[in-house]
């Protein structure tokens, strides 16, 4: 069954460069879950765990990532996401 995404929430979540980088990392690591400390390292520890948590929350709200708790980590919901634009706006689908 294909997951339904809210295209507006997805585009809003991916409009931030930090979230895009986090999401790209989690897509590359799919299906493995990654902890905040591991995600923080992709930024060479230049952002705080609190900032990483904030961005993870936005990605979760858009339905792009899931978690079974902070200690278990975060993972992309699937290996790829396709965003297409047409006369009716845009559509987000599993890749």
PDB file of N, CA and C in Angstrom:
ATOM      1  N   UNK A   1       0.838  -1.181   0.000  1.00  0.00           N
ATOM      2  CA  UNK A   1       0.000   0.000   0.000  1.00  0.00           C
ATOM      3  C   UNK A   1       0.882   1.244   0.000  1.00  0.00           C
ATOM      4  N   UNK A   2       0.584   2.187  -0.854  1.00  0.00           N
ATOM      5  CA  UNK A   2       1.368   3.419  -0.947  1.00  0.00           C
ATOM      6  C   UNK A   2       0.988   4.365   0.182  1.00  0.00           C
ATOM      7  N   UNK A   3       2.004   4.999   0.750  1.00  0.00           N
ATOM      8  CA  UNK A   3       1.785   5.974   1.804  1.00  0.00           C
ATOM      9  C   UNK A   3       1.327   7.285   1.185  1.00  0.00           C
ATOM     10  N   UNK A   4       0.326   7.910   1.783  1.00  0.00           N
ATOM     11  CA  UNK A   4      -0.136   9.216   1.334  1.00  0.00           C
ATOM     12  C   UNK A   4       0.621  10.288   2.097  1.00  0.00           C
ATOM     13  N   UNK A   5       1.167  11.238   1.385  1.00  0.00           N
ATOM     14  CA  UNK A   5       1.883  12.350   1.988  1.00  0.00           C
ATOM     15  C   UNK A   5       1.085  13.628   1.789  1.00  0.00           C
ATOM     16  N   UNK A   6       1.240  14.563   2.707  1.00  0.00           N
ATOM     17  CA  UNK A   6       0.714  15.906   2.530  1.00  0.00           C
ATOM     18  C   UNK A   6       1.815  16.696   1.838  1.00  0.00           C
ATOM     19  N   UNK A   7       1.624  16.994   0.559  1.00  0.00           N
ATOM     20  CA  UNK A   7       2.651  17.659  -0.229  1.00  0.00           C
ATOM     21  C   UNK A   7       3.109  18.979   0.361  1.00  0.00           C
ATOM     22  N   UNK A   8       2.184  19.728   0.955  1.00  0.00           N
ATOM     23  CA  UNK A   8       2.557  21.006   1.551  1.00  0.00           C
ATOM     24  C   UNK A   8       3.484  20.806   2.748  1.00  0.00           C
ATOM     25  N   UNK A   9       3.174  19.830   3.599  1.00  0.00           N
ATOM     26  CA  UNK A   9       4.027  19.559   4.765  1.00  0.00           C
ATOM     27  C   UNK A   9       5.406  19.057   4.332  1.00  0.00           C
ATOM     28  N   UNK A  10       5.428  18.219   3.310  1.00  0.00           N
ATOM     29  CA  UNK A  10       6.703  17.700   2.814  1.00  0.00           C
ATOM     30  C   UNK A  10       7.560  18.835   2.270  1.00  0.00           C
ATOM     31  N   UNK A  11       6.961  19.674   1.438  1.00  0.00           N
ATOM     32  CA  UNK A  11       7.730  20.790   0.862  1.00  0.00           C
ATOM     33  C   UNK A  11       8.184  21.761   1.945  1.00  0.00           C
ATOM     34  N   UNK A  12       7.341  22.002   2.926  1.00  0.00           N
ATOM     35  CA  UNK A  12       7.732  22.881   4.038  1.00  0.00           C
ATOM     36  C   UNK A  12       8.906  22.271   4.803  1.00  0.00           C
ATOM     37  N   UNK A  13       8.819  20.976   5.076  1.00  0.00           N
ATOM     38  CA  UNK A  13       9.896  20.312   5.821  1.00  0.00           C
ATOM     39  C   UNK A  13      11.204  20.345   5.048  1.00  0.00           C
ATOM     40  N   UNK A  14      11.135  20.150   3.741  1.00  0.00           N
ATOM     41  CA  UNK A  14      12.353  20.091   2.928  1.00  0.00           C
ATOM     42  C   UNK A  14      12.820  21.460   2.448  1.00  0.00           C
ATOM     43  N   UNK A  15      12.110  22.519   2.829  1.00  0.00           N
ATOM     44  CA  UNK A  15      12.520  23.869   2.428  1.00  0.00           C
ATOM     45  C   UNK A  15      13.705  24.375   3.244  1.00  0.00           C
ATOM     46  N   UNK A  16      14.053  23.659   4.296  1.00  0.00           N
ATOM     47  CA  UNK A  16      15.181  24.042   5.143  1.00  0.00           C
ATOM     48  C   UNK A  16      16.391  23.169   4.794  1.00  0.00           C
ATOM     49  N   UNK A  17      17.538  23.803   4.567  1.00  0.00           N
ATOM     50  CA  UNK A  17      18.741  23.070   4.147  1.00  0.00           C
ATOM     51  C   UNK A  17      19.204  22.053   5.191  1.00  0.00           C
ATOM     52  N   UNK A  18      19.052  22.374   6.464  1.00  0.00           N
ATOM     53  CA  UNK A  18      19.462  21.436   7.522  1.00  0.00           C
ATOM     54  C   UNK A  18      18.588  20.195   7.495  1.00  0.00           C
ATOM     55  N   UNK A  19      17.277  20.383   7.376  1.00  0.00           N
ATOM     56  CA  UNK A  19      16.370  19.230   7.320  1.00  0.00           C
ATOM     57  C   UNK A  19      16.613  18.406   6.070  1.00  0.00           C
ATOM     58  N   UNK A  20      16.879  19.062   4.959  1.00  0.00           N
ATOM     59  CA  UNK A  20      17.157  18.340   3.720  1.00  0.00           C
ATOM     60  C   UNK A  20      18.395  17.469   3.882  1.00  0.00           C
ATOM     61  N   UNK A  21      19.421  18.005   4.528  1.00  0.00           N
ATOM     62  CA  UNK A  21      20.649  17.235   4.740  1.00  0.00           C
ATOM     63  C   UNK A  21      20.392  16.039   5.668  1.00  0.00           C
ATOM     64  N   UNK A  22      19.622  16.257   6.719  1.00  0.00           N
ATOM     65  CA  UNK A  22      19.281  15.162   7.640  1.00  0.00           C
ATOM     66  C   UNK A  22      18.488  14.089   6.906  1.00  0.00           C
ATOM     67  N   UNK A  23      17.476  14.506   6.138  1.00  0.00           N
ATOM     68  CA  UNK A  23      16.643  13.553   5.418  1.00  0.00           C
ATOM     69  C   UNK A  23      17.459  12.772   4.395  1.00  0.00           C
ATOM     70  N   UNK A  24      18.315  13.450   3.663  1.00  0.00           N
ATOM     71  CA  UNK A  24      19.173  12.771   2.689  1.00  0.00           C
ATOM     72  C   UNK A  24      20.036  11.717   3.381  1.00  0.00           C
ATOM     73  N   UNK A  25      20.597  12.058   4.527  1.00  0.00           N
ATOM     74  CA  UNK A  25      21.419  11.119   5.294  1.00  0.00           C
ATOM     75  C   UNK A  25      20.583   9.892   5.706  1.00  0.00           C
ATOM     76  N   UNK A  26      19.378  10.131   6.213  1.00  0.00           N
ATOM     77  CA  UNK A  26      18.536   9.013   6.647  1.00  0.00           C
ATOM     78  C   UNK A  26      18.077   8.161   5.462  1.00  0.00           C
ATOM     79  N   UNK A  27      17.869   8.771   4.297  1.00  0.00           N
ATOM     80  CA  UNK A  27      17.554   7.997   3.098  1.00  0.00           C
ATOM     81  C   UNK A  27      18.726   7.091   2.713  1.00  0.00           C
ATOM     82  N   UNK A  28      19.938   7.628   2.797  1.00  0.00           N
ATOM     83  CA  UNK A  28      21.131   6.842   2.453  1.00  0.00           C
ATOM     84  C   UNK A  28      21.338   5.695   3.438  1.00  0.00           C
ATOM     85  N   UNK A  29      20.926   5.879   4.668  1.00  0.00           N
ATOM     86  CA  UNK A  29      21.107   4.859   5.704  1.00  0.00           C
ATOM     87  C   UNK A  29      19.928   3.877   5.784  1.00  0.00           C
ATOM     88  N   UNK A  30      18.872   4.126   5.037  1.00  0.00           N
ATOM     89  CA  UNK A  30      17.670   3.290   5.073  1.00  0.00           C
ATOM     90  C   UNK A  30      18.030   1.826   4.891  1.00  0.00           C
ATOM     91  N   UNK A  31      17.482   0.905   5.647  1.00  0.00           N
ATOM     92  CA  UNK A  31      16.434   1.043   6.654  1.00  0.00           C
ATOM     93  C   UNK A  31      16.970   1.202   8.083  1.00  0.00           C
ATOM     94  N   UNK A  32      18.230   1.462   8.229  1.00  0.00           N
ATOM     95  CA  UNK A  32      18.817   1.607   9.566  1.00  0.00           C
ATOM     96  C   UNK A  32      18.325   2.880  10.239  1.00  0.00           C
ATOM     97  N   UNK A  33      18.137   2.784  11.547  1.00  0.00           N
ATOM     98  CA  UNK A  33      17.802   3.958  12.355  1.00  0.00           C
ATOM     99  C   UNK A  33      19.100   4.587  12.856  1.00  0.00           C
ATOM    100  N   UNK A  34      19.114   5.889  12.967  1.00  0.00           N
ATOM    101  CA  UNK A  34      20.291   6.616  13.435  1.00  0.00           C
ATOM    102  C   UNK A  34      19.911   7.498  14.621  1.00  0.00           C
ATOM    103  N   UNK A  35      20.782   7.505  15.630  1.00  0.00           N
ATOM    104  CA  UNK A  35      20.559   8.301  16.835  1.00  0.00           C
ATOM    105  C   UNK A  35      20.926   9.758  16.570  1.00  0.00           C
ATOM    106  N   UNK A  36      20.428  10.628  17.443  1.00  0.00           N
ATOM    107  CA  UNK A  36      20.700  12.062  17.308  1.00  0.00           C
ATOM    108  C   UNK A  36      22.201  12.326  17.270  1.00  0.00           C
ATOM    109  N   UNK A  37      22.967  11.646  18.107  1.00  0.00           N
ATOM    110  CA  UNK A  37      24.420  11.869  18.133  1.00  0.00           C
ATOM    111  C   UNK A  37      25.064  11.509  16.797  1.00  0.00           C
ATOM    112  N   UNK A  38      24.548  10.485  16.120  1.00  0.00           N
ATOM    113  CA  UNK A  38      25.071  10.107  14.803  1.00  0.00           C
ATOM    114  C   UNK A  38      24.692  11.145  13.751  1.00  0.00           C
ATOM    115  N   UNK A  39      23.470  11.645  13.836  1.00  0.00           N
ATOM    116  CA  UNK A  39      23.015  12.666  12.893  1.00  0.00           C
ATOM    117  C   UNK A  39      23.807  13.960  13.108  1.00  0.00           C
ATOM    118  N   UNK A  40      24.054  14.282  14.352  1.00  0.00           N
ATOM    119  CA  UNK A  40      24.815  15.486  14.699  1.00  0.00           C
ATOM    120  C   UNK A  40      26.204  15.472  14.043  1.00  0.00           C
ATOM    121  N   UNK A  41      26.800  14.308  13.911  1.00  0.00           N
ATOM    122  CA  UNK A  41      28.142  14.185  13.329  1.00  0.00           C
ATOM    123  C   UNK A  41      28.212  14.583  11.859  1.00  0.00           C
ATOM    124  N   UNK A  42      27.102  14.457  11.118  1.00  0.00           N
ATOM    125  CA  UNK A  42      27.151  14.851   9.705  1.00  0.00           C
ATOM    126  C   UNK A  42      27.340  16.357   9.566  1.00  0.00           C
ATOM    127  N   UNK A  43      27.087  17.088  10.643  1.00  0.00           N
ATOM    128  CA  UNK A  43      27.306  18.536  10.672  1.00  0.00           C
ATOM    129  C   UNK A  43      28.608  18.871  11.396  1.00  0.00           C
ATOM    130  N   UNK A  44      29.434  17.856  11.626  1.00  0.00           N
ATOM    131  CA  UNK A  44      30.716  18.014  12.329  1.00  0.00           C
ATOM    132  C   UNK A  44      30.502  18.670  13.687  1.00  0.00           C
ATOM    133  N   UNK A  45      29.391  18.268  14.342  1.00  0.00           N
ATOM    134  CA  UNK A  45      29.017  18.763  15.671  1.00  0.00           C
ATOM    135  C   UNK A  45      28.873  20.283  15.718  1.00  0.00           C
ATOM    136  N   UNK A  46      28.548  20.912  14.583  1.00  0.00           N
ATOM    137  CA  UNK A  46      28.392  22.368  14.553  1.00  0.00           C
ATOM    138  C   UNK A  46      26.982  22.822  14.946  1.00  0.00           C
ATOM    139  N   UNK A  47      26.046  21.865  15.099  1.00  0.00           N
ATOM    140  CA  UNK A  47      24.725  22.201  15.614  1.00  0.00           C
ATOM    141  C   UNK A  47      24.449  21.330  16.827  1.00  0.00           C
ATOM    142  N   UNK A  48      23.618  21.833  17.713  1.00  0.00           N
ATOM    143  CA  UNK A  48      23.363  21.151  18.984  1.00  0.00           C
ATOM    144  C   UNK A  48      22.361  20.010  18.816  1.00  0.00           C
ATOM    145  N   UNK A  49      22.369  19.081  19.778  1.00  0.00           N
ATOM    146  CA  UNK A  49      21.364  18.007  19.748  1.00  0.00           C
ATOM    147  C   UNK A  49      19.934  18.564  19.797  1.00  0.00           C
ATOM    148  N   UNK A  50      19.740  19.683  20.477  1.00  0.00           N
ATOM    149  CA  UNK A  50      18.411  20.308  20.546  1.00  0.00           C
ATOM    150  C   UNK A  50      17.967  20.770  19.160  1.00  0.00           C
ATOM    151  N   UNK A  51      18.891  21.344  18.405  1.00  0.00           N
ATOM    152  CA  UNK A  51      18.577  21.794  17.045  1.00  0.00           C
ATOM    153  C   UNK A  51      18.273  20.602  16.147  1.00  0.00           C
ATOM    154  N   UNK A  52      19.057  19.543  16.276  1.00  0.00           N
ATOM    155  CA  UNK A  52      18.799  18.322  15.502  1.00  0.00           C
ATOM    156  C   UNK A  52      17.404  17.799  15.848  1.00  0.00           C
ATOM    157  N   UNK A  53      17.053  17.762  17.131  1.00  0.00           N
ATOM    158  CA  UNK A  53      15.731  17.287  17.561  1.00  0.00           C
ATOM    159  C   UNK A  53      14.611  18.114  16.946  1.00  0.00           C
ATOM    160  N   UNK A  54      14.789  19.424  16.911  1.00  0.00           N
ATOM    161  CA  UNK A  54      13.792  20.317  16.315  1.00  0.00           C
ATOM    162  C   UNK A  54      13.557  19.943  14.845  1.00  0.00           C
ATOM    163  N   UNK A  55      14.636  19.756  14.100  1.00  0.00           N
ATOM    164  CA  UNK A  55      14.510  19.428  12.687  1.00  0.00           C
ATOM    165  C   UNK A  55      13.928  18.030  12.478  1.00  0.00           C
ATOM    166  N   UNK A  56      14.276  17.089  13.336  1.00  0.00           N
ATOM    167  CA  UNK A  56      13.702  15.746  13.254  1.00  0.00           C
ATOM    168  C   UNK A  56      12.195  15.789  13.486  1.00  0.00           C
ATOM    169  N   UNK A  57      11.761  16.647  14.408  1.00  0.00           N
ATOM    170  CA  UNK A  57      10.329  16.786  14.675  1.00  0.00           C
ATOM    171  C   UNK A  57       9.594  17.252  13.416  1.00  0.00           C
ATOM    172  N   UNK A  58      10.159  18.223  12.708  1.00  0.00           N
ATOM    173  CA  UNK A  58       9.526  18.729  11.475  1.00  0.00           C
ATOM    174  C   UNK A  58       9.457  17.635  10.410  1.00  0.00           C
ATOM    175  N   UNK A  59      10.507  16.841  10.289  1.00  0.00           N
ATOM    176  CA  UNK A  59      10.506  15.734   9.327  1.00  0.00           C
ATOM    177  C   UNK A  59       9.488  14.659   9.718  1.00  0.00           C
ATOM    178  N   UNK A  60       9.341  14.399  11.023  1.00  0.00           N
ATOM    179  CA  UNK A  60       8.328  13.437  11.494  1.00  0.00           C
ATOM    180  C   UNK A  60       6.925  13.951  11.199  1.00  0.00           C
ATOM    181  N   UNK A  61       6.690  15.233  11.458  1.00  0.00           N
ATOM    182  CA  UNK A  61       5.364  15.816  11.211  1.00  0.00           C
ATOM    183  C   UNK A  61       4.978  15.724   9.730  1.00  0.00           C
ATOM    184  N   UNK A  62       5.972  15.768   8.854  1.00  0.00           N
ATOM    185  CA  UNK A  62       5.709  15.644   7.415  1.00  0.00           C
ATOM    186  C   UNK A  62       5.544  14.183   6.986  1.00  0.00           C
ATOM    187  N   UNK A  63       5.797  13.251   7.909  1.00  0.00           N
ATOM    188  CA  UNK A  63       5.645  11.832   7.593  1.00  0.00           C
ATOM    189  C   UNK A  63       6.826  11.231   6.862  1.00  0.00           C
ATOM    190  N   UNK A  64       7.953  11.953   6.835  1.00  0.00           N
ATOM    191  CA  UNK A  64       9.119  11.474   6.088  1.00  0.00           C
ATOM    192  C   UNK A  64      10.001  10.528   6.895  1.00  0.00           C
ATOM    193  N   UNK A  65       9.968  10.662   8.221  1.00  0.00           N
ATOM    194  CA  UNK A  65      10.774   9.800   9.077  1.00  0.00           C
ATOM    195  C   UNK A  65       9.923   9.295  10.232  1.00  0.00           C
ATOM    196  N   UNK A  66      10.403   8.243  10.875  1.00  0.00           N
ATOM    197  CA  UNK A  66       9.741   7.671  12.047  1.00  0.00           C
ATOM    198  C   UNK A  66      10.783   7.365  13.107  1.00  0.00           C
ATOM    199  N   UNK A  67      10.296   7.157  14.328  1.00  0.00           N
ATOM    200  CA  UNK A  67      11.175   6.773  15.417  1.00  0.00           C
ATOM    201  C   UNK A  67      10.430   5.838  16.360  1.00  0.00           C
ATOM    202  N   UNK A  68      11.184   4.993  17.027  1.00  0.00           N
ATOM    203  CA  UNK A  68      10.644   4.168  18.105  1.00  0.00           C
ATOM    204  C   UNK A  68      11.164   4.694  19.434  1.00  0.00           C
ATOM    205  N   UNK A  69      11.522   5.965  19.462  1.00  0.00           N
ATOM    206  CA  UNK A  69      12.076   6.609  20.649  1.00  0.00           C
ATOM    207  C   UNK A  69      13.475   7.119  20.367  1.00  0.00           C
ATOM    208  N   UNK A  70      13.828   8.213  21.015  1.00  0.00           N
ATOM    209  CA  UNK A  70      15.124   8.857  20.786  1.00  0.00           C
ATOM    210  C   UNK A  70      16.306   7.906  20.968  1.00  0.00           C
ATOM    211  N   UNK A  71      16.210   7.019  21.917  1.00  0.00           N
ATOM    212  CA  UNK A  71      17.342   6.116  22.184  1.00  0.00           C
ATOM    213  C   UNK A  71      17.516   5.069  21.098  1.00  0.00           C
ATOM    214  N   UNK A  72      16.450   4.763  20.375  1.00  0.00           N
ATOM    215  CA  UNK A  72      16.535   3.777  19.289  1.00  0.00           C
ATOM    216  C   UNK A  72      16.882   4.415  17.956  1.00  0.00           C
ATOM    217  N   UNK A  73      16.652   5.710  17.826  1.00  0.00           N
ATOM    218  CA  UNK A  73      17.027   6.414  16.618  1.00  0.00           C
ATOM    219  C   UNK A  73      15.862   6.738  15.698  1.00  0.00           C
ATOM    220  N   UNK A  74      16.213   7.314  14.562  1.00  0.00           N
ATOM    221  CA  UNK A  74      15.255   7.790  13.574  1.00  0.00           C
ATOM    222  C   UNK A  74      15.617   7.170  12.233  1.00  0.00           C
ATOM    223  N   UNK A  75      14.585   6.916  11.416  1.00  0.00           N
ATOM    224  CA  UNK A  75      14.848   6.351  10.098  1.00  0.00           C
ATOM    225  C   UNK A  75      13.848   6.903   9.103  1.00  0.00           C
ATOM    226  N   UNK A  76      14.246   6.903   7.840  1.00  0.00           N
ATOM    227  CA  UNK A  76      13.339   7.299   6.765  1.00  0.00           C
ATOM    228  C   UNK A  76      12.232   6.256   6.661  1.00  0.00           C
ATOM    229  N   UNK A  77      11.047   6.673   6.259  1.00  0.00           N
ATOM    230  CA  UNK A  77       9.929   5.729   6.149  1.00  0.00           C
ATOM    231  C   UNK A  77      10.054   4.817   4.945  1.00  0.00           C
ATOM    232  N   UNK A  78      10.841   5.220   3.953  1.00  0.00           N
ATOM    233  CA  UNK A  78      11.119   4.383   2.794  1.00  0.00           C
ATOM    234  C   UNK A  78      12.430   4.820   2.173  1.00  0.00           C
ATOM    235  N   UNK A  79      12.861   4.096   1.186  1.00  0.00           N
ATOM    236  CA  UNK A  79      14.174   4.334   0.589  1.00  0.00           C
ATOM    237  C   UNK A  79      14.223   5.588  -0.276  1.00  0.00           C
ATOM    238  N   UNK A  80      13.107   5.996  -0.870  1.00  0.00           N
ATOM    239  CA  UNK A  80      13.096   7.166  -1.753  1.00  0.00           C
ATOM    240  C   UNK A  80      11.716   7.807  -1.751  1.00  0.00           C
ATOM    241  N   UNK A  81      11.691   9.096  -2.080  1.00  0.00           N
ATOM    242  CA  UNK A  81      10.449   9.853  -2.205  1.00  0.00           C
ATOM    243  C   UNK A  81      10.513  10.613  -3.521  1.00  0.00           C
ATOM    244  N   UNK A  82       9.435  10.564  -4.298  1.00  0.00           N
ATOM    245  CA  UNK A  82       9.353  11.309  -5.557  1.00  0.00           C
ATOM    246  C   UNK A  82       8.353  12.451  -5.398  1.00  0.00           C
ATOM    247  N   UNK A  83       8.758  13.635  -5.801  1.00  0.00           N
ATOM    248  CA  UNK A  83       7.870  14.792  -5.780  1.00  0.00           C
ATOM    249  C   UNK A  83       7.678  15.228  -7.224  1.00  0.00           C
ATOM    250  N   UNK A  84       6.411  15.271  -7.665  1.00  0.00           N
ATOM    251  CA  UNK A  84       6.143  15.700  -9.034  1.00  0.00           C
ATOM    252  C   UNK A  84       5.202  16.902  -9.014  1.00  0.00           C
ATOM    253  N   UNK A  85       5.385  17.776  -9.965  1.00  0.00           N
ATOM    254  CA  UNK A  85       4.570  18.977 -10.103  1.00  0.00           C
ATOM    255  C   UNK A  85       3.748  18.868 -11.375  1.00  0.00           C
ATOM    256  N   UNK A  86       2.486  19.304 -11.289  1.00  0.00           N
ATOM    257  CA  UNK A  86       1.620  19.271 -12.461  1.00  0.00           C
ATOM    258  C   UNK A  86       0.634  20.436 -12.390  1.00  0.00           C
ATOM    259  N   UNK A  87      -0.348  20.453 -13.239  1.00  0.00           N
ATOM    260  CA  UNK A  87      -1.324  21.554 -13.259  1.00  0.00           C
ATOM    261  C   UNK A  87      -2.139  21.667 -11.982  1.00  0.00           C
ATOM    262  N   UNK A  88      -2.234  20.607 -11.239  1.00  0.00           N
ATOM    263  CA  UNK A  88      -3.014  20.598  -9.992  1.00  0.00           C
ATOM    264  C   UNK A  88      -2.153  20.849  -8.764  1.00  0.00           C
ATOM    265  N   UNK A  89      -0.915  21.262  -8.930  1.00  0.00           N
ATOM    266  CA  UNK A  89      -0.024  21.478  -7.797  1.00  0.00           C
ATOM    267  C   UNK A  89       1.090  20.467  -7.814  1.00  0.00           C
ATOM    268  N   UNK A  90       1.240  19.739  -6.725  1.00  0.00           N
ATOM    269  CA  UNK A  90       2.294  18.733  -6.669  1.00  0.00           C
ATOM    270  C   UNK A  90       1.820  17.506  -5.933  1.00  0.00           C
ATOM    271  N   UNK A  91       2.524  16.415  -6.146  1.00  0.00           N
ATOM    272  CA  UNK A  91       2.176  15.131  -5.557  1.00  0.00           C
ATOM    273  C   UNK A  91       3.451  14.504  -5.022  1.00  0.00           C
ATOM    274  N   UNK A  92       3.356  13.917  -3.845  1.00  0.00           N
ATOM    275  CA  UNK A  92       4.487  13.233  -3.234  1.00  0.00           C
ATOM    276  C   UNK A  92       4.144  11.760  -3.151  1.00  0.00           C
ATOM    277  N   UNK A  93       5.050  10.907  -3.636  1.00  0.00           N
ATOM    278  CA  UNK A  93       4.814   9.461  -3.639  1.00  0.00           C
ATOM    279  C   UNK A  93       6.068   8.735  -3.194  1.00  0.00           C
ATOM    280  N   UNK A  94       5.887   7.489  -2.813  1.00  0.00           N
ATOM    281  CA  UNK A  94       7.034   6.630  -2.526  1.00  0.00           C
ATOM    282  C   UNK A  94       7.878   6.521  -3.768  1.00  0.00           C
ATOM    283  N   UNK A  95       9.194   6.384  -3.563  1.00  0.00           N
ATOM    284  CA  UNK A  95      10.101   6.236  -4.698  1.00  0.00           C
ATOM    285  C   UNK A  95      10.211   4.818  -5.158  1.00  0.00           C
TER     286      UNK A  95
END
